[in-house]
Amino acid sequence: DNMNVCPVDSFNRLAIKGDVINPESLGVDGVSMKLVGSEMSSQTTNGNYIFNDLIQGSNYEVVPSKDNDILNGVSTLDIVFIQRHIMDIAKLNTPYNLIAADINKDGRITAADIVQLRKVILGIHDNFPYNTSWRMIDKAYEFPDAKDPFLTPFPEKYHIESLNTNMRIDWIGVKTGDVNSSYVTNLNSEAVESRMSSFSLILPDQTIAKGENMISVHSCLLYTSPSPRD
């Protein structure tokens, strides 16, 4: 463009994109993606995101966040798993499950985490006082010690110094409190129906005298199917 005919900045426009998934590789929707250093509004993921038309050579910071959907994947079973971990009965075996168990975000897994999780399950709290409902971790990050993900700070945002090429930055979304990865995504998933059998108990008419003790013992099987096909 030796005659300066083309508009300024019409060349060398770049993009930053990526996926946001949970540890089970399911897309996480509703994540707010902010690109600090640009004038773009935050965008909400549908399992992925993209920022287009970025100026080459500029500095940016990709900041994902999600602090809702607090009870998704969270149940008393998670409390059991955390208890078993603390008591050395059965250790949580991935760095992401360990991060999910750190309810109060102090870099340790203790009884205090169980207390906070129980309050949320019981409805005493509608959020985690010292933590967010989700934590977003750079997928490319390698933990120095997978058994202790708190050994060094892990990246929850991504700084780009002088953008000079298209970039892909993927994220792992960790649901706080969901230590057994039971999070249910709304993205391209089939609804799972739980079925419960119903039954009636019919007892014969009986006459009972005043003061007479009677014990009637009945047993039944309650069946829950994990899917309509089982």
C-alpha atoms as a PDB file:
ATOM      1  CA  ASP A   1       0.000   0.000   0.000  1.00  0.00           C
ATOM      2  CA  ASN A   2       2.601   2.538  -1.104  1.00  0.00           C
ATOM      3  CA  MET A   3      -0.114   5.105  -1.867  1.00  0.00           C
ATOM      4  CA  ASN A   4      -1.711   4.759   1.635  1.00  0.00           C
ATOM      5  CA  VAL A   5      -5.069   3.884   0.106  1.00  0.00           C
ATOM      6  CA  CYS A   6      -6.049   1.113   2.516  1.00  0.00           C
ATOM      7  CA  PRO A   7      -7.558   2.042   5.900  1.00  0.00           C
ATOM      8  CA  VAL A   8      -5.202   1.963   8.869  1.00  0.00           C
ATOM      9  CA  ASP A   9      -5.142  -1.399  10.707  1.00  0.00           C
ATOM     10  CA  SER A  10      -6.927  -3.246   7.896  1.00  0.00           C
ATOM     11  CA  PHE A  11      -4.070  -5.773   7.755  1.00  0.00           C
ATOM     12  CA  ASN A  12      -2.685  -8.242  10.281  1.00  0.00           C
ATOM     13  CA  ARG A  13      -5.910  -8.765  12.194  1.00  0.00           C
ATOM     14  CA  LEU A  14      -5.719 -11.857  14.405  1.00  0.00           C
ATOM     15  CA  ALA A  15      -7.962 -14.085  16.522  1.00  0.00           C
ATOM     16  CA  ILE A  16      -7.922 -15.809  19.909  1.00  0.00           C
ATOM     17  CA  LYS A  17     -10.230 -18.780  20.355  1.00  0.00           C
ATOM     18  CA  GLY A  18     -10.621 -21.969  22.347  1.00  0.00           C
ATOM     19  CA  ASP A  19     -12.850 -24.489  24.101  1.00  0.00           C
ATOM     20  CA  VAL A  20     -14.019 -24.584  27.704  1.00  0.00           C
ATOM     21  CA  ILE A  21     -14.578 -28.153  28.919  1.00  0.00           C
ATOM     22  CA  ASN A  22     -14.783 -29.932  32.249  1.00  0.00           C
ATOM     23  CA  PRO A  23     -12.352 -32.732  33.264  1.00  0.00           C
ATOM     24  CA  GLU A  24     -14.653 -35.245  31.528  1.00  0.00           C
ATOM     25  CA  SER A  25     -14.297 -33.306  28.231  1.00  0.00           C
ATOM     26  CA  LEU A  26     -17.876 -32.007  28.322  1.00  0.00           C
ATOM     27  CA  GLY A  27     -18.404 -28.429  27.143  1.00  0.00           C
ATOM     28  CA  VAL A  28     -19.095 -25.888  29.877  1.00  0.00           C
ATOM     29  CA  ASP A  29     -21.648 -23.260  28.930  1.00  0.00           C
ATOM     30  CA  GLY A  30     -22.294 -19.903  30.560  1.00  0.00           C
ATOM     31  CA  VAL A  31     -18.638 -19.017  31.135  1.00  0.00           C
ATOM     32  CA  SER A  32     -17.943 -15.291  30.882  1.00  0.00           C
ATOM     33  CA  MET A  33     -14.881 -14.684  28.705  1.00  0.00           C
ATOM     34  CA  LYS A  34     -13.267 -11.275  29.066  1.00  0.00           C
ATOM     35  CA  LEU A  35     -10.458  -9.974  26.867  1.00  0.00           C
ATOM     36  CA  VAL A  36      -8.618  -7.336  28.873  1.00  0.00           C
ATOM     37  CA  GLY A  37      -6.777  -4.870  26.642  1.00  0.00           C
ATOM     38  CA  SER A  38      -9.539  -4.722  24.054  1.00  0.00           C
ATOM     39  CA  GLU A  39     -12.735  -2.733  23.865  1.00  0.00           C
ATOM     40  CA  MET A  40     -14.762  -5.878  23.227  1.00  0.00           C
ATOM     41  CA  SER A  41     -17.600  -6.815  25.544  1.00  0.00           C
ATOM     42  CA  SER A  42     -17.363 -10.034  27.508  1.00  0.00           C
ATOM     43  CA  GLN A  43     -18.882 -13.004  25.732  1.00  0.00           C
ATOM     44  CA  THR A  44     -20.625 -16.042  27.174  1.00  0.00           C
ATOM     45  CA  THR A  45     -19.439 -19.443  26.043  1.00  0.00           C
ATOM     46  CA  ASN A  46     -21.483 -22.200  24.508  1.00  0.00           C
ATOM     47  CA  GLY A  47     -18.609 -24.576  25.130  1.00  0.00           C
ATOM     48  CA  ASN A  48     -16.230 -22.427  23.081  1.00  0.00           C
ATOM     49  CA  TYR A  49     -15.328 -18.801  22.407  1.00  0.00           C
ATOM     50  CA  ILE A  50     -13.580 -16.602  19.856  1.00  0.00           C
ATOM     51  CA  PHE A  51     -12.282 -13.036  19.776  1.00  0.00           C
ATOM     52  CA  ASN A  52     -11.812 -11.808  16.220  1.00  0.00           C
ATOM     53  CA  ASP A  53     -10.284  -8.784  14.557  1.00  0.00           C
ATOM     54  CA  LEU A  54      -7.487  -8.236  17.077  1.00  0.00           C
ATOM     55  CA  ILE A  55      -4.605  -5.874  16.411  1.00  0.00           C
ATOM     56  CA  GLN A  56      -1.203  -7.476  15.904  1.00  0.00           C
ATOM     57  CA  GLY A  57       1.359  -6.421  18.484  1.00  0.00           C
ATOM     58  CA  SER A  58      -1.186  -5.534  21.176  1.00  0.00           C
ATOM     59  CA  ASN A  59      -1.157  -6.922  24.706  1.00  0.00           C
ATOM     60  CA  TYR A  60      -4.161  -8.888  25.929  1.00  0.00           C
ATOM     61  CA  GLU A  61      -5.293 -10.972  28.865  1.00  0.00           C
ATOM     62  CA  VAL A  62      -7.913 -13.706  28.557  1.00  0.00           C
ATOM     63  CA  VAL A  63      -9.931 -13.978  31.782  1.00  0.00           C
ATOM     64  CA  PRO A  64     -12.644 -16.675  32.088  1.00  0.00           C
ATOM     65  CA  SER A  65     -15.073 -16.789  35.014  1.00  0.00           C
ATOM     66  CA  LYS A  66     -18.263 -18.510  36.135  1.00  0.00           C
ATOM     67  CA  ASP A  67     -19.889 -18.125  39.540  1.00  0.00           C
ATOM     68  CA  ASN A  68     -23.356 -19.649  39.284  1.00  0.00           C
ATOM     69  CA  ASP A  69     -24.998 -23.065  38.854  1.00  0.00           C
ATOM     70  CA  ILE A  70     -23.633 -23.813  42.311  1.00  0.00           C
ATOM     71  CA  LEU A  71     -25.413 -27.123  42.986  1.00  0.00           C
ATOM     72  CA  ASN A  72     -24.757 -28.712  39.596  1.00  0.00           C
ATOM     73  CA  GLY A  73     -22.822 -31.914  40.269  1.00  0.00           C
ATOM     74  CA  VAL A  74     -22.778 -31.314  44.037  1.00  0.00           C
ATOM     75  CA  SER A  75     -24.316 -33.754  46.521  1.00  0.00           C
ATOM     76  CA  THR A  76     -23.688 -35.436  49.858  1.00  0.00           C
ATOM     77  CA  LEU A  77     -21.738 -38.080  47.953  1.00  0.00           C
ATOM     78  CA  ASP A  78     -19.040 -35.465  47.358  1.00  0.00           C
ATOM     79  CA  ILE A  79     -18.824 -34.962  51.122  1.00  0.00           C
ATOM     80  CA  VAL A  80     -18.239 -38.709  51.506  1.00  0.00           C
ATOM     81  CA  PHE A  81     -15.419 -38.643  48.949  1.00  0.00           C
ATOM     82  CA  ILE A  82     -13.756 -35.679  50.667  1.00  0.00           C
ATOM     83  CA  GLN A  83     -14.054 -37.404  54.062  1.00  0.00           C
ATOM     84  CA  ARG A  84     -12.481 -40.573  52.676  1.00  0.00           C
ATOM     85  CA  HIS A  85      -9.664 -38.494  51.183  1.00  0.00           C
ATOM     86  CA  ILE A  86      -8.947 -36.723  54.478  1.00  0.00           C
ATOM     87  CA  MET A  87      -8.984 -40.045  56.375  1.00  0.00           C
ATOM     88  CA  ASP A  88      -6.607 -41.670  53.824  1.00  0.00           C
ATOM     89  CA  ILE A  89      -9.205 -44.301  52.975  1.00  0.00           C
ATOM     90  CA  ALA A  90      -9.439 -43.398  49.268  1.00  0.00           C
ATOM     91  CA  LYS A  91      -7.484 -40.473  47.884  1.00  0.00           C
ATOM     92  CA  LEU A  92      -8.849 -38.144  45.241  1.00  0.00           C
ATOM     93  CA  ASN A  93      -6.661 -39.027  42.294  1.00  0.00           C
ATOM     94  CA  THR A  94      -6.617 -36.096  39.864  1.00  0.00           C
ATOM     95  CA  PRO A  95      -5.454 -32.511  40.373  1.00  0.00           C
ATOM     96  CA  TYR A  96      -8.843 -31.246  39.170  1.00  0.00           C
ATOM     97  CA  ASN A  97     -10.749 -33.315  41.750  1.00  0.00           C
ATOM     98  CA  LEU A  98      -8.407 -32.020  44.432  1.00  0.00           C
ATOM     99  CA  ILE A  99      -9.039 -28.433  43.340  1.00  0.00           C
ATOM    100  CA  ALA A 100     -12.788 -29.125  43.403  1.00  0.00           C
ATOM    101  CA  ALA A 101     -12.439 -30.329  47.007  1.00  0.00           C
ATOM    102  CA  ASP A 102     -10.756 -27.106  48.141  1.00  0.00           C
ATOM    103  CA  ILE A 103     -14.073 -25.434  48.932  1.00  0.00           C
ATOM    104  CA  ASN A 104     -12.684 -22.546  50.966  1.00  0.00           C
ATOM    105  CA  LYS A 105      -9.788 -21.919  48.543  1.00  0.00           C
ATOM    106  CA  ASP A 106      -7.032 -22.088  51.108  1.00  0.00           C
ATOM    107  CA  GLY A 107      -4.858 -24.564  49.198  1.00  0.00           C
ATOM    108  CA  ARG A 108      -5.614 -27.433  51.589  1.00  0.00           C
ATOM    109  CA  ILE A 109      -8.298 -30.090  51.939  1.00  0.00           C
ATOM    110  CA  THR A 110      -9.595 -30.231  55.505  1.00  0.00           C
ATOM    111  CA  ALA A 111     -12.783 -30.625  57.528  1.00  0.00           C
ATOM    112  CA  ALA A 112     -13.378 -26.898  57.006  1.00  0.00           C
ATOM    113  CA  ASP A 113     -14.075 -27.633  53.342  1.00  0.00           C
ATOM    114  CA  ILE A 114     -16.711 -30.201  54.312  1.00  0.00           C
ATOM    115  CA  VAL A 115     -18.417 -27.650  56.570  1.00  0.00           C
ATOM    116  CA  GLN A 116     -18.648 -25.111  53.731  1.00  0.00           C
ATOM    117  CA  LEU A 117     -19.915 -27.682  51.237  1.00  0.00           C
ATOM    118  CA  ARG A 118     -22.544 -28.992  53.659  1.00  0.00           C
ATOM    119  CA  LYS A 119     -23.900 -25.473  54.211  1.00  0.00           C
ATOM    120  CA  VAL A 120     -24.390 -25.033  50.471  1.00  0.00           C
ATOM    121  CA  ILE A 121     -26.089 -28.423  50.079  1.00  0.00           C
ATOM    122  CA  LEU A 122     -28.434 -27.657  52.992  1.00  0.00           C
ATOM    123  CA  GLY A 123     -29.284 -24.254  51.535  1.00  0.00           C
ATOM    124  CA  ILE A 124     -27.724 -22.276  54.391  1.00  0.00           C
ATOM    125  CA  HIS A 125     -25.444 -20.568  51.855  1.00  0.00           C
ATOM    126  CA  ASP A 126     -26.299 -19.876  48.227  1.00  0.00           C
ATOM    127  CA  ASN A 127     -22.648 -19.361  47.295  1.00  0.00           C
ATOM    128  CA  PHE A 128     -19.176 -20.300  48.489  1.00  0.00           C
ATOM    129  CA  PRO A 129     -18.059 -17.449  50.805  1.00  0.00           C
ATOM    130  CA  TYR A 130     -14.358 -17.794  49.958  1.00  0.00           C
ATOM    131  CA  ASN A 131     -14.497 -19.298  46.493  1.00  0.00           C
ATOM    132  CA  THR A 132     -16.302 -19.180  43.165  1.00  0.00           C
ATOM    133  CA  SER A 133     -18.654 -21.865  41.924  1.00  0.00           C
ATOM    134  CA  TRP A 134     -16.229 -22.647  39.093  1.00  0.00           C
ATOM    135  CA  ARG A 135     -12.489 -22.324  38.596  1.00  0.00           C
ATOM    136  CA  MET A 136     -11.043 -22.066  35.105  1.00  0.00           C
ATOM    137  CA  ILE A 137      -7.559 -23.491  34.508  1.00  0.00           C
ATOM    138  CA  ASP A 138      -5.408 -23.226  31.399  1.00  0.00           C
ATOM    139  CA  LYS A 139      -5.702 -26.671  29.800  1.00  0.00           C
ATOM    140  CA  ALA A 140      -2.079 -26.605  28.613  1.00  0.00           C
ATOM    141  CA  TYR A 141      -0.776 -26.149  32.149  1.00  0.00           C
ATOM    142  CA  GLU A 142       1.129 -29.123  33.567  1.00  0.00           C
ATOM    143  CA  PHE A 143       1.037 -29.486  37.341  1.00  0.00           C
ATOM    144  CA  PRO A 144       4.529 -29.967  38.828  1.00  0.00           C
ATOM    145  CA  ASP A 145       2.988 -32.470  41.262  1.00  0.00           C
ATOM    146  CA  ALA A 146      -0.374 -33.952  40.246  1.00  0.00           C
ATOM    147  CA  LYS A 147      -0.928 -35.095  43.845  1.00  0.00           C
ATOM    148  CA  ASP A 148      -0.572 -31.530  45.123  1.00  0.00           C
ATOM    149  CA  PRO A 149      -1.974 -29.012  42.629  1.00  0.00           C
ATOM    150  CA  PHE A 150      -1.621 -26.268  45.249  1.00  0.00           C
ATOM    151  CA  LEU A 151       2.164 -26.567  45.328  1.00  0.00           C
ATOM    152  CA  THR A 152       2.485 -23.643  42.906  1.00  0.00           C
ATOM    153  CA  PRO A 153      -0.194 -21.209  41.670  1.00  0.00           C
ATOM    154  CA  PHE A 154      -1.967 -22.546  38.582  1.00  0.00           C
ATOM    155  CA  PRO A 155      -3.007 -20.157  35.774  1.00  0.00           C
ATOM    156  CA  GLU A 156      -6.625 -18.964  35.894  1.00  0.00           C
ATOM    157  CA  LYS A 157      -6.036 -16.269  33.266  1.00  0.00           C
ATOM    158  CA  TYR A 158      -3.732 -15.994  30.256  1.00  0.00           C
ATOM    159  CA  HIS A 159      -1.516 -12.983  29.535  1.00  0.00           C
ATOM    160  CA  ILE A 160      -0.431 -12.343  25.950  1.00  0.00           C
ATOM    161  CA  GLU A 161       2.506 -10.028  25.392  1.00  0.00           C
ATOM    162  CA  SER A 162       2.455  -8.559  21.882  1.00  0.00           C
ATOM    163  CA  LEU A 163       0.027 -10.789  19.966  1.00  0.00           C
ATOM    164  CA  ASN A 164       1.710 -11.827  16.705  1.00  0.00           C
ATOM    165  CA  THR A 165      -0.237 -14.877  15.560  1.00  0.00           C
ATOM    166  CA  ASN A 166      -3.647 -16.511  15.854  1.00  0.00           C
ATOM    167  CA  MET A 167      -3.881 -18.290  19.196  1.00  0.00           C
ATOM    168  CA  ARG A 168      -5.862 -21.168  20.639  1.00  0.00           C
ATOM    169  CA  ILE A 169      -6.253 -21.142  24.424  1.00  0.00           C
ATOM    170  CA  ASP A 170      -8.376 -23.943  25.882  1.00  0.00           C
ATOM    171  CA  TRP A 171      -9.621 -24.119  29.465  1.00  0.00           C
ATOM    172  CA  ILE A 172     -10.609 -26.782  31.978  1.00  0.00           C
ATOM    173  CA  GLY A 173     -13.615 -25.752  34.053  1.00  0.00           C
ATOM    174  CA  VAL A 174     -13.561 -27.243  37.562  1.00  0.00           C
ATOM    175  CA  LYS A 175     -16.873 -27.227  39.438  1.00  0.00           C
ATOM    176  CA  THR A 176     -16.184 -26.407  43.067  1.00  0.00           C
ATOM    177  CA  GLY A 177     -17.501 -29.218  45.282  1.00  0.00           C
ATOM    178  CA  ASP A 178     -17.961 -31.718  42.443  1.00  0.00           C
ATOM    179  CA  VAL A 179     -15.139 -34.102  43.320  1.00  0.00           C
ATOM    180  CA  ASN A 180     -16.571 -37.069  41.409  1.00  0.00           C
ATOM    181  CA  SER A 181     -17.114 -35.143  38.140  1.00  0.00           C
ATOM    182  CA  SER A 182     -20.883 -35.631  38.037  1.00  0.00           C
ATOM    183  CA  TYR A 183     -21.548 -32.213  36.484  1.00  0.00           C
ATOM    184  CA  VAL A 184     -24.385 -32.348  33.945  1.00  0.00           C
ATOM    185  CA  THR A 185     -23.904 -30.183  30.875  1.00  0.00           C
ATOM    186  CA  ASN A 186     -26.758 -28.671  28.892  1.00  0.00           C
ATOM    187  CA  LEU A 187     -24.703 -28.818  25.698  1.00  0.00           C
ATOM    188  CA  ASN A 188     -25.763 -31.481  23.187  1.00  0.00           C
ATOM    189  CA  SER A 189     -26.667 -33.929  25.898  1.00  0.00           C
ATOM    190  CA  GLU A 190     -29.610 -36.309  26.030  1.00  0.00           C
ATOM    191  CA  ALA A 191     -31.811 -36.006  29.054  1.00  0.00           C
ATOM    192  CA  VAL A 192     -31.363 -38.901  31.449  1.00  0.00           C
ATOM    193  CA  GLU A 193     -34.540 -40.174  32.988  1.00  0.00           C
ATOM    194  CA  SER A 194     -34.564 -41.836  36.377  1.00  0.00           C
ATOM    195  CA  ARG A 195     -37.355 -44.339  36.859  1.00  0.00           C
ATOM    196  CA  MET A 196     -38.656 -45.578  40.141  1.00  0.00           C
ATOM    197  CA  SER A 197     -40.972 -48.522  40.569  1.00  0.00           C
ATOM    198  CA  SER A 198     -44.191 -48.014  42.476  1.00  0.00           C
ATOM    199  CA  PHE A 199     -46.036 -50.616  44.523  1.00  0.00           C
ATOM    200  CA  SER A 200     -48.807 -51.022  47.057  1.00  0.00           C
ATOM    201  CA  LEU A 201     -48.784 -52.874  50.352  1.00  0.00           C
ATOM    202  CA  ILE A 202     -52.025 -54.716  51.120  1.00  0.00           C
ATOM    203  CA  LEU A 203     -52.433 -56.055  54.651  1.00  0.00           C
ATOM    204  CA  PRO A 204     -55.279 -58.287  55.819  1.00  0.00           C
ATOM    205  CA  ASP A 205     -57.857 -56.857  58.205  1.00  0.00           C
ATOM    206  CA  GLN A 206     -56.865 -57.616  61.763  1.00  0.00           C
ATOM    207  CA  THR A 207     -58.342 -56.992  65.177  1.00  0.00           C
ATOM    208  CA  ILE A 208     -55.915 -55.786  67.811  1.00  0.00           C
ATOM    209  CA  ALA A 209     -56.797 -55.703  71.488  1.00  0.00           C
ATOM    210  CA  LYS A 210     -55.899 -52.703  73.580  1.00  0.00           C
ATOM    211  CA  GLY A 211     -52.404 -53.049  75.006  1.00  0.00           C
ATOM    212  CA  GLU A 212     -51.420 -55.789  72.576  1.00  0.00           C
ATOM    213  CA  ASN A 213     -48.096 -55.443  70.773  1.00  0.00           C
ATOM    214  CA  MET A 214     -47.830 -56.298  67.106  1.00  0.00           C
ATOM    215  CA  ILE A 215     -44.805 -56.173  64.839  1.00  0.00           C
ATOM    216  CA  SER A 216     -45.286 -56.409  61.104  1.00  0.00           C
ATOM    217  CA  VAL A 217     -42.152 -56.672  59.010  1.00  0.00           C
ATOM    218  CA  HIS A 218     -42.223 -56.160  55.251  1.00  0.00           C
ATOM    219  CA  SER A 219     -39.413 -55.898  52.793  1.00  0.00           C
ATOM    220  CA  CYS A 220     -39.429 -54.447  49.333  1.00  0.00           C
ATOM    221  CA  LEU A 221     -37.016 -53.557  46.575  1.00  0.00           C
ATOM    222  CA  LEU A 222     -36.848 -50.030  45.250  1.00  0.00           C
ATOM    223  CA  TYR A 223     -35.308 -49.935  41.790  1.00  0.00           C
ATOM    224  CA  THR A 224     -33.839 -46.866  40.165  1.00  0.00           C
ATOM    225  CA  SER A 225     -32.711 -47.045  36.567  1.00  0.00           C
ATOM    226  CA  PRO A 226     -29.899 -44.750  35.438  1.00  0.00           C
ATOM    227  CA  SER A 227     -31.305 -44.513  31.948  1.00  0.00           C
ATOM    228  CA  PRO A 228     -34.525 -45.302  30.066  1.00  0.00           C
ATOM    229  CA  ARG A 229     -32.871 -48.252  28.362  1.00  0.00           C
ATOM    230  CA  ASP A 230     -31.685 -50.092  31.499  1.00  0.00           C
END
